[in-house]
Amino acid sequence: MAQLKVSDEDMQLLGLKTDFAYETFRRAVETPEPRLIQTAECLYHHDLGDLLIKLTQRSTENFRRLNKGGKRASKIEGFIMQYVLMCGRSNPGDCFKVEIVEDLEDGMGGLRRFLEAKDDLSSEEGEVFRLIQKRSGELREAGRYDLVFAAMNYVRENYC
């Protein structure tokens, strides 16, 4: 496995991109404007996602398959979590070995336990980021952006 090298400049750029996307998302949740939700999703998907791909392409095929809690992802873990909260859905055919029991009373639609989970580091391919993406995708499809936003705040307070 190749090392993941992220410079201070890269970290600054990740911070700027996530701050801008977060502010757009915050405004969208406060004033339920569908176009702002779409804009926030695009910012996370394209601005943040493209930068994460660029930063990780030499060390992994897909940054969502890095081990959450692992050494390689540790520096950018909070940024990956923000991305998976807002982008895409898990593939229907994905089979996961990790089992996470949701607490639907957490104020985040059950996402807190997913966010706090860590991958089995003996596994070469991480699952937790994709599990977060799957659960968050279900919430977004149901229009529960308020719960995704609460999870986003939790990530920004605890992982960034």
C-alpha atoms as a PDB file:
ATOM      1  CA  MET A   1       0.000   0.000   0.000  1.00  0.00           C
ATOM      2  CA  ALA A   2       1.329   3.392  -0.980  1.00  0.00           C
ATOM      3  CA  GLN A   3       1.580   6.152   1.575  1.00  0.00           C
ATOM      4  CA  LEU A   4      -0.934   8.968   1.453  1.00  0.00           C
ATOM      5  CA  LYS A   5       0.882  12.292   1.344  1.00  0.00           C
ATOM      6  CA  VAL A   6      -1.133  15.400   2.118  1.00  0.00           C
ATOM      7  CA  SER A   7       0.645  18.736   2.488  1.00  0.00           C
ATOM      8  CA  ASP A   8      -0.339  21.673   4.685  1.00  0.00           C
ATOM      9  CA  GLU A   9      -1.456  23.496   1.529  1.00  0.00           C
ATOM     10  CA  ASP A  10      -3.672  20.544   0.628  1.00  0.00           C
ATOM     11  CA  MET A  11      -5.198  20.630   4.118  1.00  0.00           C
ATOM     12  CA  GLN A  12      -5.886  24.349   3.769  1.00  0.00           C
ATOM     13  CA  LEU A  13      -7.563  23.804   0.420  1.00  0.00           C
ATOM     14  CA  LEU A  14      -9.668  20.945   1.823  1.00  0.00           C
ATOM     15  CA  GLY A  15     -10.700  23.265   4.654  1.00  0.00           C
ATOM     16  CA  LEU A  16     -11.673  26.090   2.305  1.00  0.00           C
ATOM     17  CA  LYS A  17     -13.710  23.805   0.066  1.00  0.00           C
ATOM     18  CA  THR A  18     -15.548  22.158   2.953  1.00  0.00           C
ATOM     19  CA  ASP A  19     -16.210  25.496   4.668  1.00  0.00           C
ATOM     20  CA  PHE A  20     -17.814  26.904   1.516  1.00  0.00           C
ATOM     21  CA  ALA A  21     -19.869  23.760   0.901  1.00  0.00           C
ATOM     22  CA  TYR A  22     -20.914  23.648   4.571  1.00  0.00           C
ATOM     23  CA  GLU A  23     -22.109  27.266   4.558  1.00  0.00           C
ATOM     24  CA  THR A  24     -24.172  26.562   1.450  1.00  0.00           C
ATOM     25  CA  PHE A  25     -25.615  23.440   3.081  1.00  0.00           C
ATOM     26  CA  ARG A  26     -26.368  25.366   6.301  1.00  0.00           C
ATOM     27  CA  ARG A  27     -28.280  28.026   4.357  1.00  0.00           C
ATOM     28  CA  ALA A  28     -30.159  25.328   2.445  1.00  0.00           C
ATOM     29  CA  VAL A  29     -31.291  23.618   5.654  1.00  0.00           C
ATOM     30  CA  GLU A  30     -32.284  26.913   7.301  1.00  0.00           C
ATOM     31  CA  THR A  31     -34.268  28.057   4.264  1.00  0.00           C
ATOM     32  CA  PRO A  32     -35.546  24.876   2.599  1.00  0.00           C
ATOM     33  CA  GLU A  33     -34.577  25.919  -0.889  1.00  0.00           C
ATOM     34  CA  PRO A  34     -34.154  22.884  -3.187  1.00  0.00           C
ATOM     35  CA  ARG A  35     -31.687  24.676  -5.430  1.00  0.00           C
ATOM     36  CA  LEU A  36     -29.384  25.378  -2.477  1.00  0.00           C
ATOM     37  CA  ILE A  37     -29.465  21.693  -1.486  1.00  0.00           C
ATOM     38  CA  GLN A  38     -28.480  20.782  -5.050  1.00  0.00           C
ATOM     39  CA  THR A  39     -25.725  23.408  -4.995  1.00  0.00           C
ATOM     40  CA  ALA A  40     -24.370  22.086  -1.691  1.00  0.00           C
ATOM     41  CA  GLU A  41     -24.412  18.519  -3.022  1.00  0.00           C
ATOM     42  CA  CYS A  42     -22.536  19.653  -6.135  1.00  0.00           C
ATOM     43  CA  LEU A  43     -19.946  21.502  -4.048  1.00  0.00           C
ATOM     44  CA  TYR A  44     -19.313  18.452  -1.894  1.00  0.00           C
ATOM     45  CA  HIS A  45     -19.338  16.062  -4.837  1.00  0.00           C
ATOM     46  CA  HIS A  46     -17.260  18.010  -7.331  1.00  0.00           C
ATOM     47  CA  ASP A  47     -15.102  20.439  -5.364  1.00  0.00           C
ATOM     48  CA  LEU A  48     -14.341  18.258  -2.365  1.00  0.00           C
ATOM     49  CA  GLY A  49     -14.658  14.898  -4.118  1.00  0.00           C
ATOM     50  CA  ASP A  50     -12.386  15.849  -7.005  1.00  0.00           C
ATOM     51  CA  LEU A  51      -9.744  17.137  -4.600  1.00  0.00           C
ATOM     52  CA  LEU A  52      -9.944  13.963  -2.474  1.00  0.00           C
ATOM     53  CA  ILE A  53      -9.529  11.873  -5.633  1.00  0.00           C
ATOM     54  CA  LYS A  54      -6.518  13.938  -6.658  1.00  0.00           C
ATOM     55  CA  LEU A  55      -4.899  13.623  -3.235  1.00  0.00           C
ATOM     56  CA  THR A  56      -5.478   9.881  -2.886  1.00  0.00           C
ATOM     57  CA  GLN A  57      -5.211   8.517  -6.432  1.00  0.00           C
ATOM     58  CA  ARG A  58      -1.620   7.344  -6.028  1.00  0.00           C
ATOM     59  CA  SER A  59      -2.282   5.480  -2.801  1.00  0.00           C
ATOM     60  CA  THR A  60      -5.745   3.975  -3.238  1.00  0.00           C
ATOM     61  CA  GLU A  61      -8.196   3.108  -5.968  1.00  0.00           C
ATOM     62  CA  ASN A  62     -11.060   4.757  -4.080  1.00  0.00           C
ATOM     63  CA  PHE A  63     -10.755   6.950  -0.990  1.00  0.00           C
ATOM     64  CA  ARG A  64     -14.107   5.632   0.309  1.00  0.00           C
ATOM     65  CA  ARG A  65     -12.438   2.247   0.678  1.00  0.00           C
ATOM     66  CA  LEU A  66      -9.725   3.494   3.032  1.00  0.00           C
ATOM     67  CA  ASN A  67      -9.994   2.161   6.581  1.00  0.00           C
ATOM     68  CA  LYS A  68     -11.767   4.593   8.904  1.00  0.00           C
ATOM     69  CA  GLY A  69      -9.560   4.784  11.960  1.00  0.00           C
ATOM     70  CA  GLY A  70      -6.569   3.679   9.911  1.00  0.00           C
ATOM     71  CA  LYS A  71      -3.229   5.402   9.641  1.00  0.00           C
ATOM     72  CA  ARG A  72      -3.490   6.359   5.970  1.00  0.00           C
ATOM     73  CA  ALA A  73      -6.886   8.058   6.244  1.00  0.00           C
ATOM     74  CA  SER A  74      -6.339   9.699   9.625  1.00  0.00           C
ATOM     75  CA  LYS A  75      -5.271  13.118   8.348  1.00  0.00           C
ATOM     76  CA  ILE A  76      -8.219  13.491   5.952  1.00  0.00           C
ATOM     77  CA  GLU A  77     -10.810  11.334   7.717  1.00  0.00           C
ATOM     78  CA  GLY A  78     -13.061  14.282   8.611  1.00  0.00           C
ATOM     79  CA  PHE A  79     -13.099  15.462   5.000  1.00  0.00           C
ATOM     80  CA  ILE A  80     -13.950  11.995   3.714  1.00  0.00           C
ATOM     81  CA  MET A  81     -16.805  11.789   6.224  1.00  0.00           C
ATOM     82  CA  GLN A  82     -18.183  15.139   5.066  1.00  0.00           C
ATOM     83  CA  TYR A  83     -18.027  13.928   1.486  1.00  0.00           C
ATOM     84  CA  VAL A  84     -19.822  10.626   2.143  1.00  0.00           C
ATOM     85  CA  LEU A  85     -22.525  12.374   4.171  1.00  0.00           C
ATOM     86  CA  MET A  86     -23.483  14.442   1.124  1.00  0.00           C
ATOM     87  CA  CYS A  87     -22.568  12.382  -1.917  1.00  0.00           C
ATOM     88  CA  GLY A  88     -23.854   9.325  -3.650  1.00  0.00           C
ATOM     89  CA  ARG A  89     -25.380   6.144  -2.406  1.00  0.00           C
ATOM     90  CA  SER A  90     -23.803   2.823  -1.726  1.00  0.00           C
ATOM     91  CA  ASN A  91     -24.049   0.278  -4.522  1.00  0.00           C
ATOM     92  CA  PRO A  92     -27.032  -2.031  -3.976  1.00  0.00           C
ATOM     93  CA  GLY A  93     -24.791  -5.046  -4.452  1.00  0.00           C
ATOM     94  CA  ASP A  94     -22.330  -4.033  -1.728  1.00  0.00           C
ATOM     95  CA  CYS A  95     -21.986  -6.617   1.019  1.00  0.00           C
ATOM     96  CA  PHE A  96     -20.604  -5.389   4.304  1.00  0.00           C
ATOM     97  CA  LYS A  97     -18.981  -7.440   7.054  1.00  0.00           C
ATOM     98  CA  VAL A  98     -19.144  -4.590   9.557  1.00  0.00           C
ATOM     99  CA  GLU A  99     -22.463  -4.402  11.359  1.00  0.00           C
ATOM    100  CA  ILE A 100     -23.525  -1.196  13.045  1.00  0.00           C
ATOM    101  CA  VAL A 101     -26.636  -0.978  15.187  1.00  0.00           C
ATOM    102  CA  GLU A 102     -28.328   2.376  14.686  1.00  0.00           C
ATOM    103  CA  ASP A 103     -29.596   4.533  17.515  1.00  0.00           C
ATOM    104  CA  LEU A 104     -32.484   6.337  15.863  1.00  0.00           C
ATOM    105  CA  GLU A 105     -32.817   8.616  18.901  1.00  0.00           C
ATOM    106  CA  ASP A 106     -29.391  10.227  18.366  1.00  0.00           C
ATOM    107  CA  GLY A 107     -30.799  13.281  16.564  1.00  0.00           C
ATOM    108  CA  MET A 108     -28.858  12.281  13.448  1.00  0.00           C
ATOM    109  CA  GLY A 109     -31.100   9.598  12.008  1.00  0.00           C
ATOM    110  CA  GLY A 110     -28.899   6.860  13.419  1.00  0.00           C
ATOM    111  CA  LEU A 111     -25.715   8.230  11.855  1.00  0.00           C
ATOM    112  CA  ARG A 112     -23.784   8.848  15.082  1.00  0.00           C
ATOM    113  CA  ARG A 113     -22.835   5.194  15.593  1.00  0.00           C
ATOM    114  CA  PHE A 114     -21.714   5.022  11.961  1.00  0.00           C
ATOM    115  CA  LEU A 115     -19.571   8.129  12.400  1.00  0.00           C
ATOM    116  CA  GLU A 116     -17.967   6.754  15.556  1.00  0.00           C
ATOM    117  CA  ALA A 117     -17.329   3.270  14.117  1.00  0.00           C
ATOM    118  CA  LYS A 118     -13.901   2.167  12.939  1.00  0.00           C
ATOM    119  CA  ASP A 119     -12.914  -0.420  10.392  1.00  0.00           C
ATOM    120  CA  ASP A 120     -11.176  -3.667  11.235  1.00  0.00           C
ATOM    121  CA  LEU A 121      -7.648  -2.572  10.402  1.00  0.00           C
ATOM    122  CA  SER A 122      -6.633  -6.090   9.416  1.00  0.00           C
ATOM    123  CA  SER A 123      -8.942  -5.720   6.423  1.00  0.00           C
ATOM    124  CA  GLU A 124      -7.389  -4.338   3.276  1.00  0.00           C
ATOM    125  CA  GLU A 125     -10.594  -2.632   2.242  1.00  0.00           C
ATOM    126  CA  GLY A 126     -12.507  -0.318   4.528  1.00  0.00           C
ATOM    127  CA  GLU A 127     -16.282  -0.398   4.794  1.00  0.00           C
ATOM    128  CA  VAL A 128     -17.280   2.258   7.320  1.00  0.00           C
ATOM    129  CA  PHE A 129     -17.059   5.253   4.970  1.00  0.00           C
ATOM    130  CA  ARG A 130     -19.336   3.419   2.524  1.00  0.00           C
ATOM    131  CA  LEU A 131     -21.735   2.458   5.322  1.00  0.00           C
ATOM    132  CA  ILE A 132     -21.966   6.122   6.327  1.00  0.00           C
ATOM    133  CA  GLN A 133     -22.634   6.960   2.679  1.00  0.00           C
ATOM    134  CA  LYS A 134     -25.341   4.299   2.464  1.00  0.00           C
ATOM    135  CA  ARG A 135     -27.182   5.446   5.605  1.00  0.00           C
ATOM    136  CA  SER A 136     -26.813   9.124   4.734  1.00  0.00           C
ATOM    137  CA  GLY A 137     -28.076   8.441   1.210  1.00  0.00           C
ATOM    138  CA  GLU A 138     -31.208   6.871   2.680  1.00  0.00           C
ATOM    139  CA  LEU A 139     -31.793   9.963   4.801  1.00  0.00           C
ATOM    140  CA  ARG A 140     -31.202  12.315   1.881  1.00  0.00           C
ATOM    141  CA  GLU A 141     -33.582  10.324  -0.321  1.00  0.00           C
ATOM    142  CA  ALA A 142     -36.193  10.715   2.421  1.00  0.00           C
ATOM    143  CA  GLY A 143     -35.566  14.480   2.439  1.00  0.00           C
ATOM    144  CA  ARG A 144     -34.126  14.427   5.974  1.00  0.00           C
ATOM    145  CA  TYR A 145     -31.354  16.924   5.332  1.00  0.00           C
ATOM    146  CA  ASP A 146     -31.830  18.244   8.865  1.00  0.00           C
ATOM    147  CA  LEU A 147     -30.532  14.938  10.256  1.00  0.00           C
ATOM    148  CA  VAL A 148     -27.642  14.862   7.779  1.00  0.00           C
ATOM    149  CA  PHE A 149     -26.824  18.446   8.785  1.00  0.00           C
ATOM    150  CA  ALA A 150     -26.752  17.445  12.470  1.00  0.00           C
ATOM    151  CA  ALA A 151     -24.321  14.648  11.548  1.00  0.00           C
ATOM    152  CA  MET A 152     -22.251  17.118   9.517  1.00  0.00           C
ATOM    153  CA  ASN A 153     -21.985  19.398  12.554  1.00  0.00           C
ATOM    154  CA  TYR A 154     -20.882  16.425  14.661  1.00  0.00           C
ATOM    155  CA  VAL A 155     -18.153  15.568  12.150  1.00  0.00           C
ATOM    156  CA  ARG A 156     -16.932  19.145  11.883  1.00  0.00           C
ATOM    157  CA  GLU A 157     -16.788  19.481  15.695  1.00  0.00           C
ATOM    158  CA  ASN A 158     -15.102  16.137  16.354  1.00  0.00           C
ATOM    159  CA  TYR A 159     -12.995  15.230  13.316  1.00  0.00           C
ATOM    160  CA  CYS A 160     -11.826  18.458  11.676  1.00  0.00           C
END
